[in-house]
Amino acid sequence: MRYAPLYADTVMPNGVCNVTKDPGGLPVMPQNPREIAHTIATVMNPHYGLHAVVTGRDGKLYHKYQIPGQGGGVNANFTSWKCLTPDLSKVPCSIAPKCNGYDSNPAIALQPGTGSLVVFARQMDDLAPHEIHLTKAADPESWSSIRGPACLCNFPPCKNYKGTNQTKCGVNADCDNLGVDCDKSPSTLPTYWNVQAVFPTSEMTLLPVKDKLHLYFRGFDGAYYLTEATKAGDINTKYGSPERFDTIME
């Protein structure tokens, strides 16, 4: 059964049940908006006001923010929705440049110390969170490049395949050697926010705790996990290996 849209003219899920594809042909999130609540991730940036980030019905990330000096509170003027990931071929997933978008609601917070906006969202091909942040706290358009958690392979390289020494990840199939070379792009590089894969199976929560950000999520084993920023006051910081809570999910 299908229902009429609950909302009109929005980049967000519009309330139609059992949507499987966006009009542009991309996979959508969520497929049944009546079962999965859509979160409008929002923070108050002290430099200019409210800033909202959402996952669109096309799986892309969008944002809008209060225009400085044009009213406050419910009378504030906002920008239109702007796409943070207009070209999915540039998303850093394991099958790049054939990546899809995101399938979680964004987790959002202000980084302690700098006040920069930090966002995490789960990429639907790798089921791993990507991170993006404002490089200048007072500039709502100063978004960084997207960071994956680590160098991930959809298909690992096949050494000496048919007499060739393959070093790149497979994209379409084993041994096609079309992907990234993790030896040349190791997970220790600052282009990644962690040094290992992280796989949430729940919505994520991003919280400032004292002088660092903490990312919380449920993992594939059903346990609850925390990964913590390793360096206070560094917007490009890496996060530590996930730590498991032994009893919170029991």
C-alpha atoms as a PDB file:
ATOM      1  CA  MET A   1       0.000   0.000   0.000  1.00  0.00           C
ATOM      2  CA  ARG A   2       1.213   3.487  -0.843  1.00  0.00           C
ATOM      3  CA  TYR A   3       0.184   6.753   0.719  1.00  0.00           C
ATOM      4  CA  ALA A   4       0.233  10.332  -0.468  1.00  0.00           C
ATOM      5  CA  PRO A   5       3.337  12.297   0.542  1.00  0.00           C
ATOM      6  CA  LEU A   6       3.172  13.794   4.005  1.00  0.00           C
ATOM      7  CA  TYR A   7       5.442  16.677   3.036  1.00  0.00           C
ATOM      8  CA  ALA A   8       6.030  18.482  -0.226  1.00  0.00           C
ATOM      9  CA  ASP A   9       9.128  20.096  -1.714  1.00  0.00           C
ATOM     10  CA  THR A  10      11.778  18.639   0.579  1.00  0.00           C
ATOM     11  CA  VAL A  11      15.074  16.867   0.071  1.00  0.00           C
ATOM     12  CA  MET A  12      14.236  14.678   3.076  1.00  0.00           C
ATOM     13  CA  PRO A  13      12.109  11.506   3.049  1.00  0.00           C
ATOM     14  CA  ASN A  14       8.626  12.741   2.228  1.00  0.00           C
ATOM     15  CA  GLY A  15       6.439  10.209   4.021  1.00  0.00           C
ATOM     16  CA  VAL A  16       5.620   7.932   1.068  1.00  0.00           C
ATOM     17  CA  CYS A  17       5.656   4.284   2.198  1.00  0.00           C
ATOM     18  CA  ASN A  18       7.810   1.607   0.558  1.00  0.00           C
ATOM     19  CA  VAL A  19       9.993   3.965  -1.448  1.00  0.00           C
ATOM     20  CA  THR A  20      12.863   1.983  -2.973  1.00  0.00           C
ATOM     21  CA  LYS A  21      14.388   4.511  -5.346  1.00  0.00           C
ATOM     22  CA  ASP A  22      14.730   8.251  -5.634  1.00  0.00           C
ATOM     23  CA  PRO A  23      13.411   9.745  -8.922  1.00  0.00           C
ATOM     24  CA  GLY A  24      17.069   9.964  -9.968  1.00  0.00           C
ATOM     25  CA  GLY A  25      17.443   6.188  -9.600  1.00  0.00           C
ATOM     26  CA  LEU A  26      19.607   6.162  -6.458  1.00  0.00           C
ATOM     27  CA  PRO A  27      18.929   3.874  -3.466  1.00  0.00           C
ATOM     28  CA  VAL A  28      17.019   5.710  -0.782  1.00  0.00           C
ATOM     29  CA  MET A  29      17.132   5.901   2.987  1.00  0.00           C
ATOM     30  CA  PRO A  30      14.932   4.986   4.729  1.00  0.00           C
ATOM     31  CA  GLN A  31      12.814   2.735   2.510  1.00  0.00           C
ATOM     32  CA  ASN A  32       9.825   2.978   4.822  1.00  0.00           C
ATOM     33  CA  PRO A  33       9.711   6.378   6.557  1.00  0.00           C
ATOM     34  CA  ARG A  34       6.676   5.356   8.641  1.00  0.00           C
ATOM     35  CA  GLU A  35       8.811   2.743  10.418  1.00  0.00           C
ATOM     36  CA  ILE A  36      12.097   4.661  10.760  1.00  0.00           C
ATOM     37  CA  ALA A  37      12.080   8.108  12.318  1.00  0.00           C
ATOM     38  CA  HIS A  38      13.945  10.741  10.349  1.00  0.00           C
ATOM     39  CA  THR A  39      16.233  12.887  12.476  1.00  0.00           C
ATOM     40  CA  ILE A  40      17.044  16.499  11.633  1.00  0.00           C
ATOM     41  CA  ALA A  41      20.455  16.763  13.272  1.00  0.00           C
ATOM     42  CA  THR A  42      20.765  20.286  14.670  1.00  0.00           C
ATOM     43  CA  VAL A  43      23.312  22.280  16.667  1.00  0.00           C
ATOM     44  CA  MET A  44      23.533  25.899  17.767  1.00  0.00           C
ATOM     45  CA  ASN A  45      26.730  27.420  16.426  1.00  0.00           C
ATOM     46  CA  PRO A  46      27.575  30.441  18.608  1.00  0.00           C
ATOM     47  CA  HIS A  47      29.015  32.298  15.607  1.00  0.00           C
ATOM     48  CA  TYR A  48      25.880  32.387  13.434  1.00  0.00           C
ATOM     49  CA  GLY A  49      23.034  30.298  14.892  1.00  0.00           C
ATOM     50  CA  LEU A  50      21.273  27.047  14.082  1.00  0.00           C
ATOM     51  CA  HIS A  51      22.847  24.588  11.657  1.00  0.00           C
ATOM     52  CA  ALA A  52      20.944  21.493  10.467  1.00  0.00           C
ATOM     53  CA  VAL A  53      22.270  18.443   8.596  1.00  0.00           C
ATOM     54  CA  VAL A  54      20.096  15.650   7.153  1.00  0.00           C
ATOM     55  CA  THR A  55      20.344  12.532   5.041  1.00  0.00           C
ATOM     56  CA  GLY A  56      18.196  13.140   1.980  1.00  0.00           C
ATOM     57  CA  ARG A  57      15.764  10.702   0.377  1.00  0.00           C
ATOM     58  CA  ASP A  58      18.473  10.127  -2.278  1.00  0.00           C
ATOM     59  CA  GLY A  59      21.052   9.056   0.333  1.00  0.00           C
ATOM     60  CA  LYS A  60      23.052  12.276  -0.014  1.00  0.00           C
ATOM     61  CA  LEU A  61      23.899  14.643   2.847  1.00  0.00           C
ATOM     62  CA  TYR A  62      22.353  18.129   2.948  1.00  0.00           C
ATOM     63  CA  HIS A  63      22.671  21.130   5.250  1.00  0.00           C
ATOM     64  CA  LYS A  64      21.148  24.530   5.878  1.00  0.00           C
ATOM     65  CA  TYR A  65      21.903  27.179   8.469  1.00  0.00           C
ATOM     66  CA  GLN A  66      20.716  30.434   9.944  1.00  0.00           C
ATOM     67  CA  ILE A  67      21.795  33.483   7.963  1.00  0.00           C
ATOM     68  CA  PRO A  68      23.758  35.791  10.303  1.00  0.00           C
ATOM     69  CA  GLY A  69      22.123  39.116  11.065  1.00  0.00           C
ATOM     70  CA  GLN A  70      18.709  38.234   9.632  1.00  0.00           C
ATOM     71  CA  GLY A  71      16.641  37.519  12.712  1.00  0.00           C
ATOM     72  CA  GLY A  72      16.781  34.903  15.444  1.00  0.00           C
ATOM     73  CA  GLY A  73      14.633  32.210  17.032  1.00  0.00           C
ATOM     74  CA  VAL A  74      11.623  31.027  15.045  1.00  0.00           C
ATOM     75  CA  ASN A  75      11.829  34.194  12.950  1.00  0.00           C
ATOM     76  CA  ALA A  76      15.356  33.392  11.743  1.00  0.00           C
ATOM     77  CA  ASN A  77      16.059  33.319   8.038  1.00  0.00           C
ATOM     78  CA  PHE A  78      17.796  30.214   6.712  1.00  0.00           C
ATOM     79  CA  THR A  79      19.643  29.257   3.573  1.00  0.00           C
ATOM     80  CA  SER A  80      18.095  26.758   1.181  1.00  0.00           C
ATOM     81  CA  TRP A  81      19.142  23.108   1.470  1.00  0.00           C
ATOM     82  CA  LYS A  82      22.663  22.655   0.128  1.00  0.00           C
ATOM     83  CA  CYS A  83      24.094  19.263  -0.833  1.00  0.00           C
ATOM     84  CA  LEU A  84      27.327  18.268   0.898  1.00  0.00           C
ATOM     85  CA  THR A  85      27.840  15.195  -1.315  1.00  0.00           C
ATOM     86  CA  PRO A  86      26.621  16.169  -4.793  1.00  0.00           C
ATOM     87  CA  ASP A  87      29.055  13.833  -6.596  1.00  0.00           C
ATOM     88  CA  LEU A  88      28.931  10.341  -5.080  1.00  0.00           C
ATOM     89  CA  SER A  89      31.854   9.259  -7.284  1.00  0.00           C
ATOM     90  CA  LYS A  90      34.039  11.304  -4.929  1.00  0.00           C
ATOM     91  CA  VAL A  91      32.823   9.544  -1.778  1.00  0.00           C
ATOM     92  CA  PRO A  92      35.765   7.590  -0.280  1.00  0.00           C
ATOM     93  CA  CYS A  93      34.230   4.096  -0.125  1.00  0.00           C
ATOM     94  CA  SER A  94      35.848   0.761  -0.997  1.00  0.00           C
ATOM     95  CA  ILE A  95      34.231   0.600  -4.452  1.00  0.00           C
ATOM     96  CA  ALA A  96      34.990   4.207  -5.453  1.00  0.00           C
ATOM     97  CA  PRO A  97      34.136   5.733  -7.845  1.00  0.00           C
ATOM     98  CA  LYS A  98      30.910   3.677  -7.799  1.00  0.00           C
ATOM     99  CA  CYS A  99      29.854   4.548  -4.244  1.00  0.00           C
ATOM    100  CA  ASN A 100      26.278   5.031  -3.128  1.00  0.00           C
ATOM    101  CA  GLY A 101      25.269   7.502  -0.428  1.00  0.00           C
ATOM    102  CA  TYR A 102      24.420   7.245   3.280  1.00  0.00           C
ATOM    103  CA  ASP A 103      21.894   5.152   5.192  1.00  0.00           C
ATOM    104  CA  SER A 104      21.920   6.638   8.699  1.00  0.00           C
ATOM    105  CA  ASN A 105      20.810   9.914  10.161  1.00  0.00           C
ATOM    106  CA  PRO A 106      23.762  12.239  10.803  1.00  0.00           C
ATOM    107  CA  ALA A 107      25.354  12.382  14.241  1.00  0.00           C
ATOM    108  CA  ILE A 108      26.322  15.984  14.960  1.00  0.00           C
ATOM    109  CA  ALA A 109      28.119  17.983  17.666  1.00  0.00           C
ATOM    110  CA  LEU A 110      30.368  20.968  18.244  1.00  0.00           C
ATOM    111  CA  GLN A 111      33.968  20.081  18.960  1.00  0.00           C
ATOM    112  CA  PRO A 112      35.131  21.246  22.404  1.00  0.00           C
ATOM    113  CA  GLY A 113      37.704  24.000  22.227  1.00  0.00           C
ATOM    114  CA  THR A 114      37.332  24.998  18.580  1.00  0.00           C
ATOM    115  CA  GLY A 115      33.529  25.028  18.365  1.00  0.00           C
ATOM    116  CA  SER A 116      33.733  23.501  14.882  1.00  0.00           C
ATOM    117  CA  LEU A 117      30.767  21.467  13.655  1.00  0.00           C
ATOM    118  CA  VAL A 118      31.511  17.723  13.298  1.00  0.00           C
ATOM    119  CA  VAL A 119      29.232  15.250  11.483  1.00  0.00           C
ATOM    120  CA  PHE A 120      29.299  11.453  11.159  1.00  0.00           C
ATOM    121  CA  ALA A 121      27.032   9.421   8.838  1.00  0.00           C
ATOM    122  CA  ARG A 122      27.155   5.751   7.773  1.00  0.00           C
ATOM    123  CA  GLN A 123      28.070   5.061   4.147  1.00  0.00           C
ATOM    124  CA  MET A 124      25.788   2.369   2.740  1.00  0.00           C
ATOM    125  CA  ASP A 125      28.318   0.329   0.712  1.00  0.00           C
ATOM    126  CA  ASP A 126      30.868  -0.243   3.464  1.00  0.00           C
ATOM    127  CA  LEU A 127      28.439   0.186   6.412  1.00  0.00           C
ATOM    128  CA  ALA A 128      31.153   2.378   7.908  1.00  0.00           C
ATOM    129  CA  PRO A 129      30.826   5.968   9.192  1.00  0.00           C
ATOM    130  CA  HIS A 130      32.312   8.894   7.308  1.00  0.00           C
ATOM    131  CA  GLU A 131      33.329  12.132   9.026  1.00  0.00           C
ATOM    132  CA  ILE A 132      33.114  15.710   7.793  1.00  0.00           C
ATOM    133  CA  HIS A 133      33.638  18.945   9.709  1.00  0.00           C
ATOM    134  CA  LEU A 134      33.899  22.722   9.417  1.00  0.00           C
ATOM    135  CA  THR A 135      37.529  23.738   9.021  1.00  0.00           C
ATOM    136  CA  LYS A 136      36.639  27.223  10.353  1.00  0.00           C
ATOM    137  CA  ALA A 137      34.157  27.313  13.213  1.00  0.00           C
ATOM    138  CA  ALA A 138      32.612  30.639  12.152  1.00  0.00           C
ATOM    139  CA  ASP A 139      32.276  29.720   8.459  1.00  0.00           C
ATOM    140  CA  PRO A 140      29.264  27.443   7.796  1.00  0.00           C
ATOM    141  CA  GLU A 141      30.542  26.665   4.278  1.00  0.00           C
ATOM    142  CA  SER A 142      34.096  25.621   5.207  1.00  0.00           C
ATOM    143  CA  TRP A 143      33.492  21.880   5.005  1.00  0.00           C
ATOM    144  CA  SER A 144      36.423  19.516   4.992  1.00  0.00           C
ATOM    145  CA  SER A 145      36.900  16.604   2.629  1.00  0.00           C
ATOM    146  CA  ILE A 146      35.035  13.459   3.651  1.00  0.00           C
ATOM    147  CA  ARG A 147      37.059  11.076   5.802  1.00  0.00           C
ATOM    148  CA  GLY A 148      36.388   7.332   5.936  1.00  0.00           C
ATOM    149  CA  PRO A 149      37.444   5.349   9.001  1.00  0.00           C
ATOM    150  CA  ALA A 150      40.339   3.536   7.328  1.00  0.00           C
ATOM    151  CA  CYS A 151      41.542   2.218   3.975  1.00  0.00           C
ATOM    152  CA  LEU A 152      38.910  -0.406   3.151  1.00  0.00           C
ATOM    153  CA  CYS A 153      38.838  -2.960   0.341  1.00  0.00           C
ATOM    154  CA  ASN A 154      35.632  -4.366  -1.112  1.00  0.00           C
ATOM    155  CA  PHE A 155      37.817  -7.124  -2.604  1.00  0.00           C
ATOM    156  CA  PRO A 156      41.422  -7.432  -1.339  1.00  0.00           C
ATOM    157  CA  PRO A 157      44.246  -7.356  -3.896  1.00  0.00           C
ATOM    158  CA  CYS A 158      45.182 -10.649  -5.547  1.00  0.00           C
ATOM    159  CA  LYS A 159      48.937 -11.109  -5.488  1.00  0.00           C
ATOM    160  CA  ASN A 160      50.458 -12.693  -8.602  1.00  0.00           C
ATOM    161  CA  TYR A 161      47.058 -13.073 -10.279  1.00  0.00           C
ATOM    162  CA  LYS A 162      47.693 -14.475 -13.783  1.00  0.00           C
ATOM    163  CA  GLY A 163      51.318 -13.518 -13.446  1.00  0.00           C
ATOM    164  CA  THR A 164      50.640  -9.904 -12.406  1.00  0.00           C
ATOM    165  CA  ASN A 165      51.484  -8.348  -9.081  1.00  0.00           C
ATOM    166  CA  GLN A 166      48.203  -6.661  -8.188  1.00  0.00           C
ATOM    167  CA  THR A 167      48.333  -4.093  -5.409  1.00  0.00           C
ATOM    168  CA  LYS A 168      44.953  -2.322  -5.672  1.00  0.00           C
ATOM    169  CA  CYS A 169      41.627  -3.294  -4.172  1.00  0.00           C
ATOM    170  CA  GLY A 170      38.996  -4.844  -6.399  1.00  0.00           C
ATOM    171  CA  VAL A 171      35.998  -2.665  -7.272  1.00  0.00           C
ATOM    172  CA  ASN A 172      33.673  -4.745  -9.442  1.00  0.00           C
ATOM    173  CA  ALA A 173      35.110  -8.194  -8.702  1.00  0.00           C
ATOM    174  CA  ASP A 174      38.052 -10.014  -7.192  1.00  0.00           C
ATOM    175  CA  CYS A 175      41.379  -9.152  -8.777  1.00  0.00           C
ATOM    176  CA  ASP A 176      40.182  -6.348 -11.073  1.00  0.00           C
ATOM    177  CA  ASN A 177      42.872  -4.041  -9.572  1.00  0.00           C
ATOM    178  CA  LEU A 178      40.718  -0.925 -10.072  1.00  0.00           C
ATOM    179  CA  GLY A 179      40.504   0.393  -6.526  1.00  0.00           C
ATOM    180  CA  VAL A 180      42.733   2.053  -3.972  1.00  0.00           C
ATOM    181  CA  ASP A 181      46.224   0.828  -3.082  1.00  0.00           C
ATOM    182  CA  CYS A 182      46.160   0.594   0.717  1.00  0.00           C
ATOM    183  CA  ASP A 183      49.952   0.284   0.803  1.00  0.00           C
ATOM    184  CA  LYS A 184      50.177   3.767  -0.717  1.00  0.00           C
ATOM    185  CA  SER A 185      47.158   5.103   1.177  1.00  0.00           C
ATOM    186  CA  PRO A 186      47.576   3.544   4.636  1.00  0.00           C
ATOM    187  CA  SER A 187      45.015   4.041   7.368  1.00  0.00           C
ATOM    188  CA  THR A 188      47.546   6.074   9.362  1.00  0.00           C
ATOM    189  CA  LEU A 189      47.098   9.025   6.969  1.00  0.00           C
ATOM    190  CA  PRO A 190      45.085  12.043   8.214  1.00  0.00           C
ATOM    191  CA  THR A 191      42.623  11.466   5.365  1.00  0.00           C
ATOM    192  CA  TYR A 192      41.074   8.785   7.619  1.00  0.00           C
ATOM    193  CA  TRP A 193      39.441   9.415  11.001  1.00  0.00           C
ATOM    194  CA  ASN A 194      40.460   6.030  12.461  1.00  0.00           C
ATOM    195  CA  VAL A 195      43.018   3.309  11.770  1.00  0.00           C
ATOM    196  CA  GLN A 196      40.498   0.464  11.560  1.00  0.00           C
ATOM    197  CA  ALA A 197      37.043  -0.310  10.291  1.00  0.00           C
ATOM    198  CA  VAL A 198      34.036   0.728  12.398  1.00  0.00           C
ATOM    199  CA  PHE A 199      30.628  -0.830  11.670  1.00  0.00           C
ATOM    200  CA  PRO A 200      27.591   0.645  13.490  1.00  0.00           C
ATOM    201  CA  THR A 201      24.287  -1.233  13.419  1.00  0.00           C
ATOM    202  CA  SER A 202      22.383   1.564  15.149  1.00  0.00           C
ATOM    203  CA  GLU A 203      22.071   5.295  14.815  1.00  0.00           C
ATOM    204  CA  MET A 204      25.192   6.981  16.179  1.00  0.00           C
ATOM    205  CA  THR A 205      25.433   9.527  18.977  1.00  0.00           C
ATOM    206  CA  LEU A 206      28.215  12.135  19.022  1.00  0.00           C
ATOM    207  CA  LEU A 207      28.814  13.792  22.391  1.00  0.00           C
ATOM    208  CA  PRO A 208      31.349  16.297  23.746  1.00  0.00           C
ATOM    209  CA  VAL A 209      32.820  14.776  26.907  1.00  0.00           C
ATOM    210  CA  LYS A 210      35.141  17.166  28.737  1.00  0.00           C
ATOM    211  CA  ASP A 211      37.600  18.266  26.042  1.00  0.00           C
ATOM    212  CA  LYS A 212      37.000  15.535  23.407  1.00  0.00           C
ATOM    213  CA  LEU A 213      34.235  14.135  21.233  1.00  0.00           C
ATOM    214  CA  HIS A 214      32.927  10.617  21.846  1.00  0.00           C
ATOM    215  CA  LEU A 215      31.100   8.585  19.181  1.00  0.00           C
ATOM    216  CA  TYR A 216      28.691   5.916  20.502  1.00  0.00           C
ATOM    217  CA  PHE A 217      27.026   3.124  18.516  1.00  0.00           C
ATOM    218  CA  ARG A 218      25.903  -0.505  18.578  1.00  0.00           C
ATOM    219  CA  GLY A 219      28.083  -3.007  16.704  1.00  0.00           C
ATOM    220  CA  PHE A 220      27.413  -6.169  14.695  1.00  0.00           C
ATOM    221  CA  ASP A 221      27.850  -8.280  17.835  1.00  0.00           C
ATOM    222  CA  GLY A 222      25.007  -6.390  19.525  1.00  0.00           C
ATOM    223  CA  ALA A 223      27.311  -4.692  22.022  1.00  0.00           C
ATOM    224  CA  TYR A 224      27.566  -0.956  22.609  1.00  0.00           C
ATOM    225  CA  TYR A 225      30.790   0.824  21.672  1.00  0.00           C
ATOM    226  CA  LEU A 226      32.626   4.084  22.191  1.00  0.00           C
ATOM    227  CA  THR A 227      35.364   5.569  20.044  1.00  0.00           C
ATOM    228  CA  GLU A 228      37.041   8.694  21.430  1.00  0.00           C
ATOM    229  CA  ALA A 229      38.948  11.531  19.755  1.00  0.00           C
ATOM    230  CA  THR A 230      42.616  11.033  20.541  1.00  0.00           C
ATOM    231  CA  LYS A 231      43.676  14.685  20.659  1.00  0.00           C
ATOM    232  CA  ALA A 232      41.795  17.569  22.247  1.00  0.00           C
ATOM    233  CA  GLY A 233      41.387  20.780  20.254  1.00  0.00           C
ATOM    234  CA  ASP A 234      42.435  19.200  16.929  1.00  0.00           C
ATOM    235  CA  ILE A 235      39.617  19.193  14.392  1.00  0.00           C
ATOM    236  CA  ASN A 236      41.586  16.744  12.207  1.00  0.00           C
ATOM    237  CA  THR A 237      42.186  14.332  15.071  1.00  0.00           C
ATOM    238  CA  LYS A 238      41.890  10.606  14.711  1.00  0.00           C
ATOM    239  CA  TYR A 239      39.639   8.552  16.973  1.00  0.00           C
ATOM    240  CA  GLY A 240      40.782   5.568  19.005  1.00  0.00           C
ATOM    241  CA  SER A 241      39.925   1.901  18.606  1.00  0.00           C
ATOM    242  CA  PRO A 242      36.318   1.169  19.634  1.00  0.00           C
ATOM    243  CA  GLU A 243      35.912   0.263  23.297  1.00  0.00           C
ATOM    244  CA  ARG A 244      33.148  -2.152  24.225  1.00  0.00           C
ATOM    245  CA  PHE A 245      30.655  -1.663  27.053  1.00  0.00           C
ATOM    246  CA  ASP A 246      30.089  -5.142  28.462  1.00  0.00           C
ATOM    247  CA  THR A 247      26.740  -4.649  30.184  1.00  0.00           C
ATOM    248  CA  ILE A 248      24.814  -1.696  28.726  1.00  0.00           C
ATOM    249  CA  MET A 249      22.958  -3.765  26.074  1.00  0.00           C
ATOM    250  CA  GLU A 250      22.075  -6.672  28.398  1.00  0.00           C
END
